[in-house]
Protein backbone atom coordinates (compact mmCIF):
# COMPACT_ATOMS: atom_id res chain seq x y z
CA UNK A 1 -18.31 25.53 34.32
CA UNK A 2 -17.18 23.78 37.48
CA UNK A 3 -19.83 21.61 39.09
CA UNK A 4 -21.14 22.77 42.45
CA UNK A 5 -23.91 21.95 44.85
CA UNK A 6 -26.46 24.70 45.28
CA UNK A 7 -28.48 25.08 48.47
CA UNK A 8 -31.67 26.98 49.12
CA UNK A 9 -32.16 27.38 52.87
CA UNK A 10 -35.42 28.26 54.61
CA UNK A 11 -34.93 29.21 58.26
CA UNK A 12 -37.36 28.75 61.13
CA UNK A 13 -40.26 26.99 59.39
CA UNK A 14 -43.27 26.61 61.69
CA UNK A 15 -44.23 23.13 62.86
CA UNK A 16 -47.76 23.85 61.61
CA UNK A 17 -46.45 24.39 58.05
CA UNK A 18 -43.72 21.72 57.82
CA UNK A 19 -45.95 18.84 56.74
CA UNK A 20 -47.65 20.76 53.94
CA UNK A 21 -44.27 22.13 52.78
CA UNK A 22 -42.69 18.66 52.61
CA UNK A 23 -45.73 17.17 50.90
CA UNK A 24 -45.88 20.04 48.43
CA UNK A 25 -42.20 19.78 47.50
CA UNK A 26 -42.35 15.98 47.17
CA UNK A 27 -45.72 15.91 45.38
CA UNK A 28 -47.29 14.03 48.31
CA UNK A 29 -44.38 11.59 48.39
CA UNK A 30 -44.67 10.66 44.71
CA UNK A 31 -41.24 12.15 43.91
CA UNK A 32 -39.49 10.53 46.91
CA UNK A 33 -36.86 7.98 45.87
CA UNK A 34 -35.72 7.37 49.46
CA UNK A 35 -35.77 9.00 52.88
CA UNK A 36 -34.14 8.69 56.29
CA UNK A 37 -35.03 10.04 59.72
CA UNK A 38 -32.40 10.28 62.46
CA UNK A 39 -34.84 9.62 65.30
CA UNK A 40 -37.05 6.74 66.31
CA UNK A 41 -40.34 7.34 64.57
CA UNK A 42 -43.01 5.59 62.65
CA UNK A 43 -42.75 5.26 58.89
CA UNK A 44 -44.00 8.31 57.02
CA UNK A 45 -47.47 7.77 55.63
CA UNK A 46 -47.81 10.17 52.72
CA UNK A 47 -51.58 9.65 52.60
CA UNK A 48 -52.24 10.24 56.30
CA UNK A 49 -52.92 13.72 57.56
CA UNK A 50 -50.56 14.91 60.29
CA UNK A 51 -48.14 11.93 60.14
CA UNK A 52 -45.17 14.18 59.33
CA UNK A 53 -46.27 16.94 61.69
CA UNK A 54 -46.53 14.35 64.47
CA UNK A 55 -42.88 13.38 63.94
CA UNK A 56 -41.92 17.04 64.39
CA UNK A 57 -44.09 17.59 67.47
CA UNK A 58 -43.03 14.33 69.18
CA UNK A 59 -39.25 14.62 68.62
CA UNK A 60 -36.45 17.15 69.12
CA UNK A 61 -33.00 17.42 67.58
CA UNK A 62 -33.18 15.24 64.48
CA UNK A 63 -32.90 15.32 60.72
CA UNK A 64 -35.19 14.17 57.95
CA UNK A 65 -33.53 13.59 54.58
CA UNK A 66 -35.45 13.01 51.37
CA UNK A 67 -34.05 12.19 47.94
CA UNK A 68 -36.37 13.24 45.12
CA UNK A 69 -36.15 12.19 41.49
CA UNK A 70 -37.02 15.82 40.79
CA UNK A 71 -38.61 18.82 42.39
CA UNK A 72 -41.10 20.64 40.15
CA UNK A 73 -42.63 23.86 41.35
CA UNK A 74 -43.49 27.25 39.86
CA UNK A 75 -42.22 26.35 36.39
CA UNK A 76 -38.79 25.15 37.51
CA UNK A 77 -37.54 21.55 37.59
CA UNK A 78 -34.65 20.55 39.86
CA UNK A 79 -33.56 16.98 38.98
CA UNK A 80 -32.07 14.77 41.69
CA UNK A 81 -33.02 17.23 44.42
CA UNK A 82 -32.35 16.49 48.07
CA UNK A 83 -34.36 17.93 50.93
CA UNK A 84 -32.76 18.11 54.37
CA UNK A 85 -34.96 19.14 57.28
CA UNK A 86 -33.28 19.82 60.61
CA UNK A 87 -35.13 20.24 63.88
CA UNK A 88 -33.15 21.66 66.77
CA UNK A 89 -35.45 22.07 69.77
CA UNK A 90 -38.09 24.54 68.50
CA UNK A 91 -36.36 25.61 65.27
CA UNK A 92 -36.96 23.84 61.95
CA UNK A 93 -34.74 24.61 58.93
CA UNK A 94 -35.23 23.21 55.43
CA UNK A 95 -32.53 22.93 52.78
CA UNK A 96 -33.02 22.10 49.11
CA UNK A 97 -29.83 20.72 47.56
CA UNK A 98 -29.03 20.01 43.92
CA UNK A 99 -26.10 19.91 41.50
CA UNK A 100 -25.52 22.83 39.18
CA UNK A 101 -24.59 20.34 36.42
CA UNK A 102 -28.10 18.80 36.62
CA UNK A 103 -29.63 22.10 35.51
CA UNK A 104 -28.90 21.79 31.81
CA UNK A 105 -31.85 23.92 30.65
CA UNK A 106 -30.76 27.16 32.33
CA UNK A 107 -28.29 29.85 31.47
CA UNK A 108 -26.53 30.95 34.63
CA UNK A 109 -27.76 34.56 34.47
CA UNK A 110 -31.37 33.35 34.28
CA UNK A 111 -30.89 30.60 36.89
CA UNK A 112 -30.44 32.90 39.88
CA UNK A 113 -33.57 34.87 38.94
CA UNK A 114 -35.60 31.64 38.65
CA UNK A 115 -34.27 30.28 41.97
CA UNK A 116 -35.00 33.60 43.67
CA UNK A 117 -38.56 33.58 42.32
CA UNK A 118 -39.06 29.97 43.45
CA UNK A 119 -37.67 30.71 46.93
CA UNK A 120 -39.77 33.85 47.33
CA UNK A 121 -42.91 31.92 46.32
CA UNK A 122 -42.22 29.10 48.82
CA UNK A 123 -41.40 31.59 51.58
CA UNK A 124 -44.61 33.53 50.98
CA UNK A 125 -46.79 30.43 50.79
CA UNK A 126 -45.41 28.93 54.02
CA UNK A 127 -44.87 32.20 55.96
CA UNK A 128 -41.08 31.87 56.09
CA UNK A 129 -39.29 35.14 56.84
CA UNK A 130 -35.66 34.15 56.28
CA UNK A 131 -34.32 32.35 53.22
CA UNK A 132 -31.18 32.40 51.09
CA UNK A 133 -29.42 30.50 48.34
CA UNK A 134 -25.83 29.87 47.45
CA UNK A 135 -23.12 27.42 46.63
CA UNK A 136 -22.69 24.89 49.39
CA UNK A 137 -22.27 25.94 52.16
CA UNK A 138 -24.86 28.66 51.63
CA UNK A 139 -24.55 29.60 55.32
CA UNK A 140 -21.31 31.37 54.38
CA UNK A 141 -22.05 34.90 53.21
CA UNK A 142 -19.26 34.70 50.59
CA UNK A 143 -20.99 31.81 48.76
CA UNK A 144 -24.45 33.43 48.64
CA UNK A 145 -26.21 33.93 45.33
CA UNK A 146 -29.02 35.77 47.12
CA UNK A 147 -30.53 36.47 50.53
CA UNK A 148 -34.27 37.06 50.25
CA UNK A 149 -34.52 39.53 47.35
CA UNK A 150 -30.94 40.84 47.59
CA UNK A 151 -28.51 39.32 45.04
CA UNK A 152 -24.88 38.44 45.68
CA UNK A 153 -22.24 38.71 46.79
CA UNK A 154 -21.40 35.66 44.61
CA UNK A 155 -22.33 35.67 40.93
CA UNK A 156 -22.30 32.63 38.66
CA UNK A 157 -20.39 32.78 35.40
CA UNK A 158 -20.71 30.62 32.30
C-alpha cells in the first residue's frame, strides 16, 4: 500500500475546551516530543491551569504545532502523531496528522471504523459539531474517508 498522511480535522473548537483537548491528547504534555507556537507567547506550562487557554485568549491568527511520540485514546494508538492547532480570529481548528505506514496493527477496513469512533468520541467530549478525516489534504472532499458519521467518498484498499 502506498504511504499517505491521514488527517483528522476538528472545526471550530471553543476556546474554553481547547486547553483540556490539547492536554488530553498529549497526556498532559507527557507525550510531547517538541512543540512550536507561531506567536509571541510564554512557554507552555503543562502543569499550570489555563496556561494554554491564555495563549488562545491573548493572541489571534497563529498556529500551535505539537509532535507526539504517540497519541493513545479510546483503545487506538497513533505513533508519531502531529497536532496542528490553528487560530484565525475567533475560530480554532485542530488537526491530527499521522502516517498510514505507522499504523501496522490495523487492517484498512477496520482502520476507518476505529478512526471514526475515535473522532466521534473526541467531538462528543469537547462539543465539536464538525469533524472529518481523510488523506491529506482532508479539506478536499475527494480525499475524505469520512465526514462525521458518513463514510467516503474515498475508501482505503490493502
